[in-house]
Amino acid sequence: MLMSVVDELHLDAVYPELQGARVLITGLSGSCGIDIARAFADHSARLVVRAAEETPEIDEIATLLNQSAADLRLFTDPDAADAKGAVVFTQGPAQKAFGGLDTVINLISVSREDFADCTDLEDIENAIAAKISAMTRMSHVLANRMRLTLTEGSILNVIAMPQTTDPGMTMLLGMLRTAIAAYTRQEATKWADNAIRINSVVPKAVDPFQYDDDEWSDMGEPDVAALALYLASRKGNRLSGHIFEATQITTGGR
């Protein structure tokens, strides 16, 4: 992460301006996004949460968020990762729940299975494009809506994946990071004149030959939650087009 920002990040920091803020969180699961959702709920934000499926665990998370959020609208959708379904959701329930949105957190979970059928470089590139297509389509629709409603909004895209020291997955991570970085900077420039900020969080690249358990314990989802709050607050209103690194944003094996 940018050190000037990291020095100010504290999960217990309070941003009064986020009370009542309209926040969309997509991609929530039992292993990804709980700390982020709780951070906004604890600021009494109004949450629209989209999960891929309805499970007892998601129900428990919703019950927890309801205890502090000003309002909560939970949607479960098996087509959550589908680009077309994402646009339909964005144009409908996501926008209509509170009459618009101020902050968006897109959580994109990546696993080895996403690339299981890849046999060459072109397959990998296509798989990466497919993986982030819902995010890019949603972000465009959301940013355009913010522009039309004169909303100074924040969109944060978070790439989450299990810890890995596998050389193959490390290479895929590098390609994914490059794609996300290019997209983030391009979109940040595109929407800059409308005061709409686009940033992304990607997994930290770790040398598989210098693996150290302690190195992966210093930054995780709580830090990303603190970052999301910061970027949504007045303190983050000049930050856009940045790629932040986190050590681990989701649970899982190597």
C-alpha atoms as a PDB file:
ATOM      1  CA  MET A   1       0.000   0.000   0.000  1.00  0.00           C
ATOM      2  CA  LEU A   2       1.024   3.632  -0.343  1.00  0.00           C
ATOM      3  CA  MET A   3       2.924   4.334   2.847  1.00  0.00           C
ATOM      4  CA  SER A   4       1.428   7.813   3.298  1.00  0.00           C
ATOM      5  CA  VAL A   5      -2.006   6.179   3.467  1.00  0.00           C
ATOM      6  CA  VAL A   6      -0.981   3.133   5.495  1.00  0.00           C
ATOM      7  CA  ASP A   7       0.324   5.338   8.283  1.00  0.00           C
ATOM      8  CA  GLU A   8      -3.186   6.745   8.756  1.00  0.00           C
ATOM      9  CA  LEU A   9      -5.100   3.479   8.572  1.00  0.00           C
ATOM     10  CA  HIS A  10      -6.759   2.321  11.768  1.00  0.00           C
ATOM     11  CA  LEU A  11      -9.729  -0.025  11.889  1.00  0.00           C
ATOM     12  CA  ASP A  12     -11.037   1.845  14.950  1.00  0.00           C
ATOM     13  CA  ALA A  13     -10.883   5.220  13.177  1.00  0.00           C
ATOM     14  CA  VAL A  14     -14.244   6.982  13.037  1.00  0.00           C
ATOM     15  CA  TYR A  15     -15.524   8.890  10.003  1.00  0.00           C
ATOM     16  CA  PRO A  16     -18.790  10.636  10.993  1.00  0.00           C
ATOM     17  CA  GLU A  17     -19.543  11.550   7.381  1.00  0.00           C
ATOM     18  CA  LEU A  18     -20.085   7.849   6.595  1.00  0.00           C
ATOM     19  CA  GLN A  19     -23.142   7.635   8.856  1.00  0.00           C
ATOM     20  CA  GLY A  20     -26.077   6.961   6.571  1.00  0.00           C
ATOM     21  CA  ALA A  21     -23.828   6.529   3.526  1.00  0.00           C
ATOM     22  CA  ARG A  22     -25.228   4.278   0.812  1.00  0.00           C
ATOM     23  CA  VAL A  23     -22.762   1.420   0.366  1.00  0.00           C
ATOM     24  CA  LEU A  24     -22.868  -1.501  -2.054  1.00  0.00           C
ATOM     25  CA  ILE A  25     -20.763  -4.579  -1.285  1.00  0.00           C
ATOM     26  CA  THR A  26     -20.707  -7.345  -3.886  1.00  0.00           C
ATOM     27  CA  GLY A  27     -19.127 -10.787  -3.675  1.00  0.00           C
ATOM     28  CA  LEU A  28     -19.592 -11.260   0.064  1.00  0.00           C
ATOM     29  CA  SER A  29     -18.973 -14.811   1.259  1.00  0.00           C
ATOM     30  CA  GLY A  30     -18.218 -16.637   4.446  1.00  0.00           C
ATOM     31  CA  SER A  31     -14.488 -16.254   3.796  1.00  0.00           C
ATOM     32  CA  CYS A  32     -14.319 -12.831   2.168  1.00  0.00           C
ATOM     33  CA  GLY A  33     -15.691  -9.395   2.968  1.00  0.00           C
ATOM     34  CA  ILE A  34     -17.004  -9.823   6.510  1.00  0.00           C
ATOM     35  CA  ASP A  35     -14.580  -7.328   8.087  1.00  0.00           C
ATOM     36  CA  ILE A  36     -15.274  -4.826   5.308  1.00  0.00           C
ATOM     37  CA  ALA A  37     -19.048  -5.088   5.702  1.00  0.00           C
ATOM     38  CA  ARG A  38     -18.817  -4.823   9.483  1.00  0.00           C
ATOM     39  CA  ALA A  39     -16.622  -1.724   9.241  1.00  0.00           C
ATOM     40  CA  PHE A  40     -19.298   0.148   7.280  1.00  0.00           C
ATOM     41  CA  ALA A  41     -22.115  -1.274   9.401  1.00  0.00           C
ATOM     42  CA  ASP A  42     -20.361  -0.014  12.531  1.00  0.00           C
ATOM     43  CA  HIS A  43     -20.415   3.470  10.949  1.00  0.00           C
ATOM     44  CA  SER A  44     -24.218   3.160  10.658  1.00  0.00           C
ATOM     45  CA  ALA A  45     -24.062   3.082   6.878  1.00  0.00           C
ATOM     46  CA  ARG A  46     -26.939   1.824   4.744  1.00  0.00           C
ATOM     47  CA  LEU A  47     -25.783  -1.394   3.115  1.00  0.00           C
ATOM     48  CA  VAL A  48     -26.746  -3.193  -0.056  1.00  0.00           C
ATOM     49  CA  VAL A  49     -24.997  -6.576   0.083  1.00  0.00           C
ATOM     50  CA  ARG A  50     -24.859  -9.103  -2.732  1.00  0.00           C
ATOM     51  CA  ALA A  51     -23.751 -12.674  -2.080  1.00  0.00           C
ATOM     52  CA  ALA A  52     -23.427 -15.521  -4.559  1.00  0.00           C
ATOM     53  CA  GLU A  53     -25.666 -17.877  -2.613  1.00  0.00           C
ATOM     54  CA  GLU A  54     -27.949 -18.117   0.371  1.00  0.00           C
ATOM     55  CA  THR A  55     -26.358 -20.141   3.145  1.00  0.00           C
ATOM     56  CA  PRO A  56     -26.747 -20.324   6.939  1.00  0.00           C
ATOM     57  CA  GLU A  57     -23.386 -18.552   7.191  1.00  0.00           C
ATOM     58  CA  ILE A  58     -24.579 -15.631   5.039  1.00  0.00           C
ATOM     59  CA  ASP A  59     -27.737 -15.432   7.164  1.00  0.00           C
ATOM     60  CA  GLU A  60     -25.576 -15.206  10.298  1.00  0.00           C
ATOM     61  CA  ILE A  61     -23.487 -12.443   8.741  1.00  0.00           C
ATOM     62  CA  ALA A  62     -26.645 -10.523   7.821  1.00  0.00           C
ATOM     63  CA  THR A  63     -27.909 -10.843  11.398  1.00  0.00           C
ATOM     64  CA  LEU A  64     -24.613  -9.471  12.661  1.00  0.00           C
ATOM     65  CA  LEU A  65     -24.647  -6.530  10.223  1.00  0.00           C
ATOM     66  CA  ASN A  66     -28.245  -5.677  11.120  1.00  0.00           C
ATOM     67  CA  GLN A  67     -27.175  -4.981  14.683  1.00  0.00           C
ATOM     68  CA  SER A  68     -25.298  -1.804  13.713  1.00  0.00           C
ATOM     69  CA  ALA A  69     -26.078  -0.864  10.093  1.00  0.00           C
ATOM     70  CA  ALA A  70     -28.622   1.921   9.576  1.00  0.00           C
ATOM     71  CA  ASP A  71     -30.304  -0.325   7.027  1.00  0.00           C
ATOM     72  CA  LEU A  72     -29.446  -3.564   5.245  1.00  0.00           C
ATOM     73  CA  ARG A  73     -30.690  -5.026   1.978  1.00  0.00           C
ATOM     74  CA  LEU A  74     -29.299  -8.508   1.319  1.00  0.00           C
ATOM     75  CA  PHE A  75     -29.480 -10.115  -2.119  1.00  0.00           C
ATOM     76  CA  THR A  76     -28.338 -13.636  -2.941  1.00  0.00           C
ATOM     77  CA  ASP A  77     -27.802 -14.453  -6.583  1.00  0.00           C
ATOM     78  CA  PRO A  78     -26.212 -17.549  -8.186  1.00  0.00           C
ATOM     79  CA  ASP A  79     -25.387 -15.394 -11.239  1.00  0.00           C
ATOM     80  CA  ALA A  80     -23.413 -12.911  -9.152  1.00  0.00           C
ATOM     81  CA  ALA A  81     -20.228 -13.470 -11.182  1.00  0.00           C
ATOM     82  CA  ASP A  82     -22.001 -13.238 -14.546  1.00  0.00           C
ATOM     83  CA  ALA A  83     -21.465  -9.918 -16.341  1.00  0.00           C
ATOM     84  CA  LYS A  84     -25.008  -9.685 -17.704  1.00  0.00           C
ATOM     85  CA  GLY A  85     -26.535 -10.581 -14.345  1.00  0.00           C
ATOM     86  CA  ALA A  86     -24.273  -8.053 -12.643  1.00  0.00           C
ATOM     87  CA  VAL A  87     -25.506  -5.233 -14.887  1.00  0.00           C
ATOM     88  CA  VAL A  88     -29.155  -6.165 -14.339  1.00  0.00           C
ATOM     89  CA  PHE A  89     -28.606  -6.151 -10.586  1.00  0.00           C
ATOM     90  CA  THR A  90     -26.713  -2.858 -10.704  1.00  0.00           C
ATOM     91  CA  GLN A  91     -29.340  -1.072 -12.759  1.00  0.00           C
ATOM     92  CA  GLY A  92     -32.159  -2.478 -10.623  1.00  0.00           C
ATOM     93  CA  PRO A  93     -31.988  -3.490  -6.942  1.00  0.00           C
ATOM     94  CA  ALA A  94     -28.569  -1.978  -6.208  1.00  0.00           C
ATOM     95  CA  GLN A  95     -29.524   1.519  -7.382  1.00  0.00           C
ATOM     96  CA  LYS A  96     -33.144   1.486  -6.246  1.00  0.00           C
ATOM     97  CA  ALA A  97     -32.588   0.289  -2.677  1.00  0.00           C
ATOM     98  CA  PHE A  98     -31.610   3.726  -1.374  1.00  0.00           C
ATOM     99  CA  GLY A  99     -32.057   5.894  -4.452  1.00  0.00           C
ATOM    100  CA  GLY A 100     -28.391   5.734  -5.417  1.00  0.00           C
ATOM    101  CA  LEU A 101     -24.969   4.801  -4.041  1.00  0.00           C
ATOM    102  CA  ASP A 102     -22.031   6.677  -2.533  1.00  0.00           C
ATOM    103  CA  THR A 103     -19.519   3.861  -2.119  1.00  0.00           C
ATOM    104  CA  VAL A 104     -19.028   0.543  -3.893  1.00  0.00           C
ATOM    105  CA  ILE A 105     -16.826  -2.366  -2.814  1.00  0.00           C
ATOM    106  CA  ASN A 106     -16.515  -5.121  -5.426  1.00  0.00           C
ATOM    107  CA  LEU A 107     -15.019  -8.343  -4.042  1.00  0.00           C
ATOM    108  CA  ILE A 108     -13.684 -10.714  -6.700  1.00  0.00           C
ATOM    109  CA  SER A 109     -12.590 -14.116  -5.425  1.00  0.00           C
ATOM    110  CA  VAL A 110      -9.971 -15.926  -7.509  1.00  0.00           C
ATOM    111  CA  SER A 111      -8.966 -19.580  -7.181  1.00  0.00           C
ATOM    112  CA  ARG A 112      -6.951 -22.209  -9.032  1.00  0.00           C
ATOM    113  CA  GLU A 113     -10.204 -23.692 -10.365  1.00  0.00           C
ATOM    114  CA  ASP A 114     -10.822 -20.521 -12.400  1.00  0.00           C
ATOM    115  CA  PHE A 115      -7.875 -21.490 -14.611  1.00  0.00           C
ATOM    116  CA  ALA A 116      -8.260 -25.272 -14.568  1.00  0.00           C
ATOM    117  CA  ASP A 117      -9.155 -25.489 -18.262  1.00  0.00           C
ATOM    118  CA  CYS A 118      -6.413 -23.161 -19.498  1.00  0.00           C
ATOM    119  CA  THR A 119      -3.882 -24.767 -21.826  1.00  0.00           C
ATOM    120  CA  ASP A 120      -2.086 -21.748 -23.255  1.00  0.00           C
ATOM    121  CA  LEU A 121      -1.537 -18.016 -22.770  1.00  0.00           C
ATOM    122  CA  GLU A 122      -4.631 -17.063 -24.735  1.00  0.00           C
ATOM    123  CA  ASP A 123      -6.779 -19.265 -22.510  1.00  0.00           C
ATOM    124  CA  ILE A 124      -5.329 -17.597 -19.436  1.00  0.00           C
ATOM    125  CA  GLU A 125      -5.968 -14.113 -20.792  1.00  0.00           C
ATOM    126  CA  ASN A 126      -9.547 -15.062 -21.652  1.00  0.00           C
ATOM    127  CA  ALA A 127     -10.064 -16.538 -18.183  1.00  0.00           C
ATOM    128  CA  ILE A 128      -8.802 -13.343 -16.552  1.00  0.00           C
ATOM    129  CA  ALA A 129     -11.071 -11.223 -18.752  1.00  0.00           C
ATOM    130  CA  ALA A 130     -14.048 -13.403 -17.858  1.00  0.00           C
ATOM    131  CA  LYS A 131     -13.211 -13.248 -14.159  1.00  0.00           C
ATOM    132  CA  ILE A 132     -13.216  -9.466 -13.996  1.00  0.00           C
ATOM    133  CA  SER A 133     -15.908  -8.765 -16.593  1.00  0.00           C
ATOM    134  CA  ALA A 134     -18.719  -8.473 -14.039  1.00  0.00           C
ATOM    135  CA  MET A 135     -16.634  -6.023 -12.016  1.00  0.00           C
ATOM    136  CA  THR A 136     -15.800  -3.839 -15.006  1.00  0.00           C
ATOM    137  CA  ARG A 137     -19.378  -3.766 -16.289  1.00  0.00           C
ATOM    138  CA  MET A 138     -20.793  -2.979 -12.855  1.00  0.00           C
ATOM    139  CA  SER A 139     -18.209  -0.287 -12.176  1.00  0.00           C
ATOM    140  CA  HIS A 140     -19.019   1.452 -15.464  1.00  0.00           C
ATOM    141  CA  VAL A 141     -22.765   1.470 -14.765  1.00  0.00           C
ATOM    142  CA  LEU A 142     -22.248   2.653 -11.194  1.00  0.00           C
ATOM    143  CA  ALA A 143     -19.795   5.395 -12.119  1.00  0.00           C
ATOM    144  CA  ASN A 144     -22.101   6.672 -14.845  1.00  0.00           C
ATOM    145  CA  ARG A 145     -24.987   6.781 -12.388  1.00  0.00           C
ATOM    146  CA  MET A 146     -22.843   8.700  -9.897  1.00  0.00           C
ATOM    147  CA  ARG A 147     -21.985  11.172 -12.657  1.00  0.00           C
ATOM    148  CA  LEU A 148     -25.636  11.714 -13.554  1.00  0.00           C
ATOM    149  CA  THR A 149     -26.605  12.282  -9.914  1.00  0.00           C
ATOM    150  CA  LEU A 150     -23.558  14.489  -9.183  1.00  0.00           C
ATOM    151  CA  THR A 151     -22.348  12.050  -6.533  1.00  0.00           C
ATOM    152  CA  GLU A 152     -18.706  12.223  -5.484  1.00  0.00           C
ATOM    153  CA  GLY A 153     -18.356   8.480  -5.149  1.00  0.00           C
ATOM    154  CA  SER A 154     -15.742   5.863  -4.359  1.00  0.00           C
ATOM    155  CA  ILE A 155     -15.401   2.497  -6.108  1.00  0.00           C
ATOM    156  CA  LEU A 156     -12.937  -0.011  -4.670  1.00  0.00           C
ATOM    157  CA  ASN A 157     -12.278  -3.312  -6.450  1.00  0.00           C
ATOM    158  CA  VAL A 158     -10.749  -6.003  -4.245  1.00  0.00           C
ATOM    159  CA  ILE A 159      -9.133  -9.113  -5.713  1.00  0.00           C
ATOM    160  CA  ALA A 160      -9.162 -11.899  -3.127  1.00  0.00           C
ATOM    161  CA  MET A 161      -7.396 -15.233  -3.381  1.00  0.00           C
ATOM    162  CA  PRO A 162      -5.948 -17.901  -1.075  1.00  0.00           C
ATOM    163  CA  GLN A 163      -2.333 -17.774  -0.021  1.00  0.00           C
ATOM    164  CA  THR A 164      -0.091 -19.543  -2.490  1.00  0.00           C
ATOM    165  CA  THR A 165       3.558 -20.302  -3.104  1.00  0.00           C
ATOM    166  CA  ASP A 166       2.835 -22.208  -6.315  1.00  0.00           C
ATOM    167  CA  PRO A 167       4.942 -20.771  -9.189  1.00  0.00           C
ATOM    168  CA  GLY A 168       2.101 -21.238 -11.677  1.00  0.00           C
ATOM    169  CA  MET A 169      -0.406 -19.341  -9.555  1.00  0.00           C
ATOM    170  CA  THR A 170       2.200 -16.677  -8.842  1.00  0.00           C
ATOM    171  CA  MET A 171       2.541 -16.127 -12.598  1.00  0.00           C
ATOM    172  CA  LEU A 172      -1.250 -15.927 -12.984  1.00  0.00           C
ATOM    173  CA  LEU A 173      -1.385 -13.458 -10.120  1.00  0.00           C
ATOM    174  CA  GLY A 174       1.165 -11.284 -11.907  1.00  0.00           C
ATOM    175  CA  MET A 175      -0.936 -11.236 -15.067  1.00  0.00           C
ATOM    176  CA  LEU A 176      -4.091 -10.495 -13.103  1.00  0.00           C
ATOM    177  CA  ARG A 177      -2.391  -7.655 -11.236  1.00  0.00           C
ATOM    178  CA  THR A 178      -1.253  -6.136 -14.539  1.00  0.00           C
ATOM    179  CA  ALA A 179      -4.790  -6.279 -15.952  1.00  0.00           C
ATOM    180  CA  ILE A 180      -6.328  -4.752 -12.822  1.00  0.00           C
ATOM    181  CA  ALA A 181      -3.706  -1.995 -12.687  1.00  0.00           C
ATOM    182  CA  ALA A 182      -4.295  -0.991 -16.310  1.00  0.00           C
ATOM    183  CA  TYR A 183      -8.063  -1.011 -15.846  1.00  0.00           C
ATOM    184  CA  THR A 184      -7.947   0.976 -12.601  1.00  0.00           C
ATOM    185  CA  ARG A 185      -5.751   3.755 -13.971  1.00  0.00           C
ATOM    186  CA  GLN A 186      -7.762   4.003 -17.169  1.00  0.00           C
ATOM    187  CA  GLU A 187     -11.083   4.274 -15.326  1.00  0.00           C
ATOM    188  CA  ALA A 188      -9.703   6.697 -12.738  1.00  0.00           C
ATOM    189  CA  THR A 189      -8.635   9.035 -15.523  1.00  0.00           C
ATOM    190  CA  LYS A 190     -11.968   8.643 -17.305  1.00  0.00           C
ATOM    191  CA  TRP A 191     -14.059   9.657 -14.277  1.00  0.00           C
ATOM    192  CA  ALA A 192     -11.675  12.128 -12.626  1.00  0.00           C
ATOM    193  CA  ASP A 193     -13.548  15.225 -13.816  1.00  0.00           C
ATOM    194  CA  ASN A 194     -16.693  13.891 -12.156  1.00  0.00           C
ATOM    195  CA  ALA A 195     -15.035  13.416  -8.729  1.00  0.00           C
ATOM    196  CA  ILE A 196     -15.550   9.663  -8.928  1.00  0.00           C
ATOM    197  CA  ARG A 197     -12.632   7.724  -7.486  1.00  0.00           C
ATOM    198  CA  ILE A 198     -11.574   4.269  -8.687  1.00  0.00           C
ATOM    199  CA  ASN A 199      -9.021   2.245  -6.730  1.00  0.00           C
ATOM    200  CA  SER A 200      -8.127  -1.442  -6.413  1.00  0.00           C
ATOM    201  CA  VAL A 201      -6.610  -3.861  -3.928  1.00  0.00           C
ATOM    202  CA  VAL A 202      -4.594  -6.810  -5.198  1.00  0.00           C
ATOM    203  CA  PRO A 203      -2.821  -9.648  -3.383  1.00  0.00           C
ATOM    204  CA  LYS A 204       0.782  -8.979  -2.539  1.00  0.00           C
ATOM    205  CA  ALA A 205       3.236 -10.799  -4.780  1.00  0.00           C
ATOM    206  CA  VAL A 206       5.351 -13.144  -2.681  1.00  0.00           C
ATOM    207  CA  ASP A 207       8.504 -14.897  -3.868  1.00  0.00           C
ATOM    208  CA  PRO A 208       7.703 -18.633  -3.544  1.00  0.00           C
ATOM    209  CA  PHE A 209      11.361 -19.312  -2.800  1.00  0.00           C
ATOM    210  CA  GLN A 210      11.404 -16.854   0.105  1.00  0.00           C
ATOM    211  CA  TYR A 211       8.257 -18.009   1.869  1.00  0.00           C
ATOM    212  CA  ASP A 212       7.901 -16.821   5.431  1.00  0.00           C
ATOM    213  CA  ASP A 213       4.793 -17.441   7.546  1.00  0.00           C
ATOM    214  CA  ASP A 214       5.298 -14.181   9.412  1.00  0.00           C
ATOM    215  CA  GLU A 215       5.368 -12.180   6.188  1.00  0.00           C
ATOM    216  CA  TRP A 216       1.760 -13.173   5.498  1.00  0.00           C
ATOM    217  CA  SER A 217       0.514 -12.273   8.945  1.00  0.00           C
ATOM    218  CA  ASP A 218       1.066  -8.494   8.888  1.00  0.00           C
ATOM    219  CA  MET A 219      -1.662  -7.400   6.469  1.00  0.00           C
ATOM    220  CA  GLY A 220      -5.064  -8.883   5.816  1.00  0.00           C
ATOM    221  CA  GLU A 221      -8.733  -8.107   5.428  1.00  0.00           C
ATOM    222  CA  PRO A 222      -8.964  -5.852   8.516  1.00  0.00           C
ATOM    223  CA  ASP A 223      -6.418  -3.589   6.828  1.00  0.00           C
ATOM    224  CA  VAL A 224      -8.479  -3.616   3.627  1.00  0.00           C
ATOM    225  CA  ALA A 225     -11.560  -2.722   5.672  1.00  0.00           C
ATOM    226  CA  ALA A 226      -9.705   0.232   7.175  1.00  0.00           C
ATOM    227  CA  LEU A 227      -8.576   1.257   3.693  1.00  0.00           C
ATOM    228  CA  ALA A 228     -12.126   1.048   2.309  1.00  0.00           C
ATOM    229  CA  LEU A 229     -13.365   3.351   5.067  1.00  0.00           C
ATOM    230  CA  TYR A 230     -10.534   5.788   4.457  1.00  0.00           C
ATOM    231  CA  LEU A 231     -11.140   5.937   0.705  1.00  0.00           C
ATOM    232  CA  ALA A 232     -14.877   6.462   1.240  1.00  0.00           C
ATOM    233  CA  SER A 233     -14.283   9.275   3.716  1.00  0.00           C
ATOM    234  CA  ARG A 234     -13.332  12.894   3.115  1.00  0.00           C
ATOM    235  CA  LYS A 235      -9.710  11.997   3.821  1.00  0.00           C
ATOM    236  CA  GLY A 236      -9.629   9.803   0.729  1.00  0.00           C
ATOM    237  CA  ASN A 237     -11.358  12.184  -1.648  1.00  0.00           C
ATOM    238  CA  ARG A 238      -8.181  12.882  -3.613  1.00  0.00           C
ATOM    239  CA  LEU A 239      -7.008   9.316  -3.993  1.00  0.00           C
ATOM    240  CA  SER A 240      -7.834   7.633  -7.291  1.00  0.00           C
ATOM    241  CA  GLY A 241      -6.109   5.324  -9.737  1.00  0.00           C
ATOM    242  CA  HIS A 242      -4.073   3.598  -7.038  1.00  0.00           C
ATOM    243  CA  ILE A 243      -3.247  -0.092  -6.694  1.00  0.00           C
ATOM    244  CA  PHE A 244      -2.931  -1.146  -3.064  1.00  0.00           C
ATOM    245  CA  GLU A 245      -1.397  -4.423  -1.914  1.00  0.00           C
ATOM    246  CA  ALA A 246      -2.641  -6.686   0.845  1.00  0.00           C
ATOM    247  CA  THR A 247      -1.015  -9.841   2.097  1.00  0.00           C
ATOM    248  CA  GLN A 248      -4.165 -11.943   2.419  1.00  0.00           C
ATOM    249  CA  ILE A 249      -7.748 -10.947   1.682  1.00  0.00           C
ATOM    250  CA  THR A 250      -9.383 -14.344   1.936  1.00  0.00           C
ATOM    251  CA  THR A 251      -8.871 -17.589   3.772  1.00  0.00           C
ATOM    252  CA  GLY A 252      -7.684 -20.742   2.112  1.00  0.00           C
ATOM    253  CA  GLY A 253      -4.794 -23.096   1.618  1.00  0.00           C
ATOM    254  CA  ARG A 254      -1.625 -22.650  -0.367  1.00  0.00           C
END
